[in-house]
């Protein structure tokens, strides 16, 4: 900082250096932020698929115990109704038939076309 006759302030070169440093930091940070965002979306889709698999197991066990518990599953999409609060917005389950007492691999699609698989077991 220069001081002449009582005036204080930053020189032009000091301001340019600060702007250059901010530009370099943002050039590094923006791609990292984009990568973190896509990783987070993929992880969220995988987590919801895991919740669907877990819900499927609990529903199957409860339904085997008594038909008054749980819901009947004849299609992968039926498991969306078993999740507490339902399937989150922007997520879809690809429809696929599931036979009674057999398991099927189902696909969950999330934001930005992220996908994950989960297991559905058919039950009356």
Protein backbone atom coordinates (compact mmCIF):
# COMPACT_ATOMS: atom_id res chain seq x y z
CA UNK A 1 0.00 0.00 0.00
CA UNK A 2 1.25 3.40 -0.92
CA UNK A 3 0.85 6.48 1.15
CA UNK A 4 1.57 9.90 -0.29
CA UNK A 5 0.47 13.14 1.29
CA UNK A 6 -2.10 11.39 3.48
CA UNK A 7 -3.79 9.38 0.68
CA UNK A 8 -4.06 5.66 1.32
CA UNK A 9 -5.24 2.90 -0.99
CA UNK A 10 -4.26 -0.08 -3.04
CA UNK A 11 -2.21 0.24 -6.17
CA UNK A 12 -3.53 -0.98 -9.47
CA UNK A 13 -1.03 -3.85 -9.57
CA UNK A 14 -2.15 -5.07 -6.12
CA UNK A 15 -5.78 -5.10 -7.24
CA UNK A 16 -4.89 -6.97 -10.45
CA UNK A 17 -2.98 -9.61 -8.48
CA UNK A 18 -5.95 -10.16 -6.15
CA UNK A 19 -8.32 -10.47 -9.12
CA UNK A 20 -5.95 -12.95 -10.80
CA UNK A 21 -5.78 -15.06 -7.63
CA UNK A 22 -9.59 -15.10 -7.35
CA UNK A 23 -9.84 -16.10 -11.02
CA UNK A 24 -7.40 -18.99 -10.56
CA UNK A 25 -9.22 -20.22 -7.45
CA UNK A 26 -12.60 -20.13 -9.19
CA UNK A 27 -11.20 -21.92 -12.25
CA UNK A 28 -10.14 -24.76 -9.95
CA UNK A 29 -13.24 -24.74 -7.74
CA UNK A 30 -16.00 -24.77 -10.38
CA UNK A 31 -15.06 -28.13 -12.01
CA UNK A 32 -14.65 -29.64 -8.55
CA UNK A 33 -18.11 -28.39 -7.55
CA UNK A 34 -19.66 -29.87 -10.70
CA UNK A 35 -17.97 -33.22 -10.02
CA UNK A 36 -19.16 -33.23 -6.40
CA UNK A 37 -22.71 -32.43 -7.50
CA UNK A 38 -22.89 -35.33 -9.96
CA UNK A 39 -21.34 -37.70 -7.42
CA UNK A 40 -23.90 -36.62 -4.82
CA UNK A 41 -26.79 -37.25 -7.22
CA UNK A 42 -25.46 -40.70 -8.08
CA UNK A 43 -24.97 -41.53 -4.39
CA UNK A 44 -28.50 -40.37 -3.56
CA UNK A 45 -29.94 -42.62 -6.27
CA UNK A 46 -27.91 -45.57 -4.95
CA UNK A 47 -29.08 -44.85 -1.39
CA UNK A 48 -32.74 -44.77 -2.41
CA UNK A 49 -32.28 -48.05 -4.32
CA UNK A 50 -30.82 -49.55 -1.13
CA UNK A 51 -33.83 -48.31 0.83
CA UNK A 52 -36.13 -49.94 -1.73
CA UNK A 53 -34.27 -53.27 -1.40
CA UNK A 54 -34.49 -53.08 2.38
CA UNK A 55 -38.17 -52.15 2.25
CA UNK A 56 -38.75 -55.05 -0.11
CA UNK A 57 -37.26 -57.50 2.40
CA UNK A 58 -39.29 -56.14 5.30
CA UNK A 59 -42.49 -56.11 3.23
CA UNK A 60 -41.90 -59.68 2.04
CA UNK A 61 -41.36 -60.94 5.60
CA UNK A 62 -44.38 -59.09 6.96
CA UNK A 63 -46.60 -60.23 4.10
CA UNK A 64 -45.50 -63.88 4.58
CA UNK A 65 -46.53 -63.58 8.21
CA UNK A 66 -49.99 -62.24 7.40
CA UNK A 67 -51.68 -60.78 4.32
CA UNK A 68 -52.97 -57.94 6.50
CA UNK A 69 -49.40 -56.59 6.72
CA UNK A 70 -47.47 -54.91 3.92
CA UNK A 71 -48.60 -54.78 0.32
CA UNK A 72 -48.77 -57.28 -2.54
CA UNK A 73 -45.89 -56.94 -5.00
CA UNK A 74 -46.41 -58.05 -8.60
CA UNK A 75 -44.39 -55.25 -10.21
CA UNK A 76 -41.26 -53.30 -9.30
CA UNK A 77 -43.25 -50.07 -9.18
CA UNK A 78 -45.34 -51.35 -6.25
CA UNK A 79 -42.39 -50.87 -3.90
CA UNK A 80 -42.65 -47.10 -4.25
CA UNK A 81 -45.81 -47.34 -2.11
CA UNK A 82 -43.97 -49.17 0.66
CA UNK A 83 -41.39 -46.41 1.27
CA UNK A 84 -42.36 -44.11 4.11
CA UNK A 85 -43.33 -40.86 2.42
CA UNK A 86 -43.31 -42.54 -1.00
CA UNK A 87 -40.74 -42.27 -3.74
CA UNK A 88 -38.99 -38.86 -3.76
CA UNK A 89 -39.72 -36.42 -6.56
CA UNK A 90 -37.64 -36.79 -9.74
CA UNK A 91 -37.16 -40.54 -9.22
CA UNK A 92 -38.86 -43.25 -11.28
CA UNK A 93 -38.92 -47.02 -11.17
CA UNK A 94 -38.87 -48.96 -14.42
CA UNK A 95 -41.90 -51.25 -14.53
CA UNK A 96 -41.09 -54.96 -14.55
CA UNK A 97 -43.25 -57.93 -13.56
CA UNK A 98 -42.26 -59.97 -10.52
CA UNK A 99 -43.59 -63.49 -10.03
CA UNK A 100 -44.67 -64.69 -6.59
CA UNK A 101 -41.75 -65.89 -4.41
CA UNK A 102 -39.16 -64.92 -7.02
CA UNK A 103 -36.82 -61.97 -7.11
CA UNK A 104 -36.31 -59.54 -9.96
CA UNK A 105 -33.73 -56.87 -10.57
CA UNK A 106 -35.38 -53.45 -10.95
CA UNK A 107 -33.99 -50.10 -12.08
CA UNK A 108 -34.37 -46.79 -10.29
CA UNK A 109 -33.71 -43.64 -12.33
CA UNK A 110 -32.89 -40.39 -10.57
CA UNK A 111 -31.93 -36.82 -11.44
CA UNK A 112 -29.65 -36.35 -14.47
CA UNK A 113 -30.37 -39.94 -15.57
CA UNK A 114 -28.47 -41.50 -12.65
CA UNK A 115 -29.48 -45.15 -12.25
CA UNK A 116 -29.21 -47.85 -9.62
CA UNK A 117 -30.63 -51.35 -9.29
CA UNK A 118 -32.57 -52.91 -6.46
CA UNK A 119 -34.26 -56.22 -5.83
CA UNK A 120 -38.02 -56.80 -5.70
CA UNK A 121 -39.54 -60.05 -4.48
CA UNK A 122 -43.05 -60.92 -5.60
CA UNK A 123 -45.70 -61.72 -3.02
CA UNK A 124 -49.50 -61.89 -2.95
